């Protein structure tokens, strides 16, 4: 006497939205790397920046696994927003290291001195981002359900990118960047 019918199936639209967001993340990664290559003009520096992006995003996926969350539209949107913020800290550190190398310092010394000059600024900018996104994690009701994951993912990704920028980026610069060739007249 009971007949079960499917009234409406929105799974294909959800899958299309998730596929579109994954595509956006890939395009964002590609464009970030191309912009860095264009403006810095050095492929070694671009490789350093390209390494920092996946590390920060990997930590976001670890967070999602630990809190038993899934890849959904909110988490993928959060990752898309965070990609642009991930490279900021590493670019600041890398550019300062590059400036020291162009002034004649060897890459190892330049990495140490340049990072010591900017680490406070890099941490300060991250704390500003955290001050904006952490309150989203404390919202209640429907807004809390919508924005809690966004707040945590962006906060975690930005904090991870700061740690990577002041630790891994200088190490990679000291190993991958070449010293400036001194011209002898």
Protein backbone atom coordinates (compact mmCIF):
# COMPACT_ATOMS: atom_id res chain seq x y z
CA UNK A 1 0.00 0.00 0.00
CA UNK A 2 3.02 2.29 0.35
CA UNK A 3 4.63 3.72 -2.74
CA UNK A 4 8.00 5.48 -2.46
CA UNK A 5 8.91 7.96 -5.17
CA UNK A 6 11.68 10.43 -5.55
CA UNK A 7 10.14 13.87 -5.66
CA UNK A 8 13.21 15.97 -6.29
CA UNK A 9 16.90 15.13 -6.68
CA UNK A 10 19.30 18.00 -6.13
CA UNK A 11 22.41 15.82 -5.97
CA UNK A 12 23.46 16.61 -9.54
CA UNK A 13 23.31 20.36 -8.84
CA UNK A 14 25.35 19.92 -5.66
CA UNK A 15 27.92 17.82 -7.52
CA UNK A 16 28.11 20.47 -10.27
CA UNK A 17 28.63 23.19 -7.65
CA UNK A 18 31.39 21.20 -5.95
CA UNK A 19 33.05 20.47 -9.31
CA UNK A 20 32.87 24.17 -10.15
CA UNK A 21 34.46 25.13 -6.84
CA UNK A 22 37.24 22.56 -7.30
CA UNK A 23 37.86 24.03 -10.74
CA UNK A 24 37.96 27.53 -9.21
CA UNK A 25 40.54 26.37 -6.69
CA UNK A 26 42.72 24.95 -9.48
CA UNK A 27 42.41 28.16 -11.52
CA UNK A 28 43.24 30.22 -8.43
CA UNK A 29 46.37 28.13 -7.83
CA UNK A 30 47.40 28.49 -11.47
CA UNK A 31 46.79 32.25 -11.59
CA UNK A 32 48.59 32.86 -8.30
CA UNK A 33 51.66 31.01 -9.60
CA UNK A 34 51.55 32.86 -12.95
CA UNK A 35 51.19 36.28 -11.28
CA UNK A 36 54.09 35.53 -8.95
CA UNK A 37 56.22 34.40 -11.90
CA UNK A 38 55.29 37.51 -13.87
CA UNK A 39 56.03 40.00 -11.11
CA UNK A 40 59.04 38.34 -9.51
CA UNK A 41 60.45 37.17 -12.84
CA UNK A 42 62.32 34.27 -11.24
CA UNK A 43 61.21 30.68 -11.64
CA UNK A 44 63.02 29.57 -8.49
CA UNK A 45 61.12 32.12 -6.42
CA UNK A 46 57.89 31.00 -8.08
CA UNK A 47 58.61 27.39 -7.09
CA UNK A 48 59.07 28.48 -3.48
CA UNK A 49 55.69 30.23 -3.48
CA UNK A 50 54.05 27.30 -5.29
CA UNK A 51 55.27 24.93 -2.55
CA UNK A 52 53.76 27.02 0.24
CA UNK A 53 50.21 26.95 -1.18
CA UNK A 54 49.57 23.18 -1.02
CA UNK A 55 51.08 22.91 2.45
CA UNK A 56 48.60 25.41 3.86
CA UNK A 57 45.69 23.79 2.04
CA UNK A 58 46.76 20.35 3.22
CA UNK A 59 46.44 21.51 6.82
CA UNK A 60 42.88 22.63 6.02
CA UNK A 61 42.06 19.13 4.78
CA UNK A 62 43.58 17.65 7.93
CA UNK A 63 41.36 19.96 9.98
CA UNK A 64 38.29 18.83 8.03
CA UNK A 65 39.20 15.21 8.69
CA UNK A 66 39.80 15.81 12.42
CA UNK A 67 36.43 17.51 12.93
CA UNK A 68 34.74 14.83 10.82
CA UNK A 69 33.52 17.34 8.26
CA UNK A 70 33.21 16.81 4.56
CA UNK A 71 34.09 18.69 1.43
CA UNK A 72 31.01 20.76 0.86
CA UNK A 73 30.17 24.06 -0.71
CA UNK A 74 31.07 26.06 2.41
CA UNK A 75 34.44 24.35 2.93
CA UNK A 76 35.38 24.66 -0.75
CA UNK A 77 34.35 28.34 -0.79
CA UNK A 78 36.50 28.84 2.30
CA UNK A 79 39.48 27.25 0.56
CA UNK A 80 38.92 29.43 -2.49
CA UNK A 81 38.89 32.57 -0.32
CA UNK A 82 41.95 31.40 1.61
CA UNK A 83 44.13 30.71 -1.46
CA UNK A 84 44.60 34.41 -2.12
CA UNK A 85 45.57 35.03 1.49
CA UNK A 86 47.97 32.08 1.66
CA UNK A 87 50.65 33.58 -0.55
CA UNK A 88 50.73 37.06 1.00
CA UNK A 89 53.04 36.19 3.88
CA UNK A 90 55.38 34.08 1.77
CA UNK A 91 55.65 36.82 -0.87
CA UNK A 92 56.55 39.44 1.75
CA UNK A 93 59.30 37.22 3.18
CA UNK A 94 60.54 36.13 -0.25
CA UNK A 95 60.68 39.67 -1.60
CA UNK A 96 62.68 40.87 1.40
CA UNK A 97 65.11 37.96 1.04
CA UNK A 98 65.47 38.72 -2.67
CA UNK A 99 66.22 42.37 -1.85
CA UNK A 100 69.03 41.31 0.51
CA UNK A 101 70.47 38.92 -2.09
CA UNK A 102 70.45 41.69 -4.72
CA UNK A 103 72.38 43.87 -2.27
CA UNK A 104 75.13 41.26 -2.17
CA UNK A 105 74.31 38.95 0.74
CA UNK A 106 74.54 35.22 0.21
CA UNK A 107 71.16 33.44 0.23
CA UNK A 108 71.62 31.89 3.69
CA UNK A 109 72.48 35.18 5.39
CA UNK A 110 69.81 37.01 3.41
CA UNK A 111 67.20 34.48 4.54
CA UNK A 112 68.11 34.98 8.19
CA UNK A 113 68.33 38.78 8.18
CA UNK A 114 65.36 39.39 5.89
CA UNK A 115 63.06 37.09 7.86
CA UNK A 116 64.11 38.74 11.12
CA UNK A 117 63.15 42.11 9.61
CA UNK A 118 59.61 41.18 8.58
CA UNK A 119 58.40 38.36 10.83
CA UNK A 120 56.60 40.72 13.22
CA UNK A 121 54.76 42.39 10.34
CA UNK A 122 53.81 39.04 8.84
CA UNK A 123 52.40 37.83 12.16
CA UNK A 124 50.56 41.13 12.66
CA UNK A 125 48.79 40.86 9.31
CA UNK A 126 47.75 37.30 10.14
CA UNK A 127 46.39 38.38 13.50
CA UNK A 128 44.25 40.98 11.73
CA UNK A 129 42.79 38.25 9.49
CA UNK A 130 42.23 36.05 12.54
CA UNK A 131 40.46 38.95 14.30
CA UNK A 132 38.07 39.16 11.35
CA UNK A 133 37.35 35.45 10.87
CA UNK A 134 37.39 33.99 14.42
CA UNK A 135 34.17 35.82 15.43
CA UNK A 136 32.43 33.93 12.60
CA UNK A 137 33.18 30.71 14.47
CA UNK A 138 31.17 31.94 17.48
CA UNK A 139 27.94 32.81 15.70
CA UNK A 140 24.84 30.97 16.78
CA UNK A 141 21.78 29.82 14.92
CA UNK A 142 21.53 29.48 11.15
CA UNK A 143 24.38 31.96 10.58
CA UNK A 144 26.61 29.90 12.88
CA UNK A 145 25.90 26.77 10.88
CA UNK A 146 26.75 28.58 7.66
CA UNK A 147 29.85 30.50 8.71
CA UNK A 148 31.53 28.46 11.46
CA UNK A 149 33.43 26.29 9.00
CA UNK A 150 34.37 29.32 6.88
CA UNK A 151 35.84 31.07 9.91
CA UNK A 152 37.83 28.07 11.08
CA UNK A 153 39.19 27.12 7.68
CA UNK A 154 40.34 30.62 6.75
CA UNK A 155 41.85 31.12 10.21
CA UNK A 156 43.71 27.80 10.16
CA UNK A 157 44.94 28.24 6.59
CA UNK A 158 46.20 31.78 7.27
CA UNK A 159 47.96 30.78 10.50
CA UNK A 160 49.57 27.84 8.72
CA UNK A 161 50.71 30.08 5.88
CA UNK A 162 52.33 32.43 8.39
CA UNK A 163 54.21 29.58 10.03
CA UNK A 164 55.31 28.33 6.61
CA UNK A 165 56.32 31.86 5.55
CA UNK A 166 58.62 32.44 8.51
CA UNK A 167 60.09 28.94 8.60
CA UNK A 168 59.91 26.98 5.33
CA UNK A 169 60.14 29.93 2.92
CA UNK A 170 63.49 31.22 4.30
CA UNK A 171 64.88 27.69 4.30
CA UNK A 172 63.85 27.14 0.68
CA UNK A 173 65.25 30.54 -0.27
CA UNK A 174 68.59 29.72 1.31
CA UNK A 175 68.76 26.49 -0.70
CA UNK A 176 67.13 27.44 -4.03
CA UNK A 177 67.98 31.08 -4.66
CA UNK A 178 71.32 31.89 -6.24
CA UNK A 179 73.68 34.58 -4.93
CA UNK A 180 73.99 37.76 -6.96
CA UNK A 181 76.90 37.73 -9.36
CA UNK A 182 79.31 40.52 -8.55
CA UNK A 183 80.71 42.33 -11.57
CA UNK A 184 84.39 43.14 -11.30
CA UNK A 185 85.51 46.12 -13.36
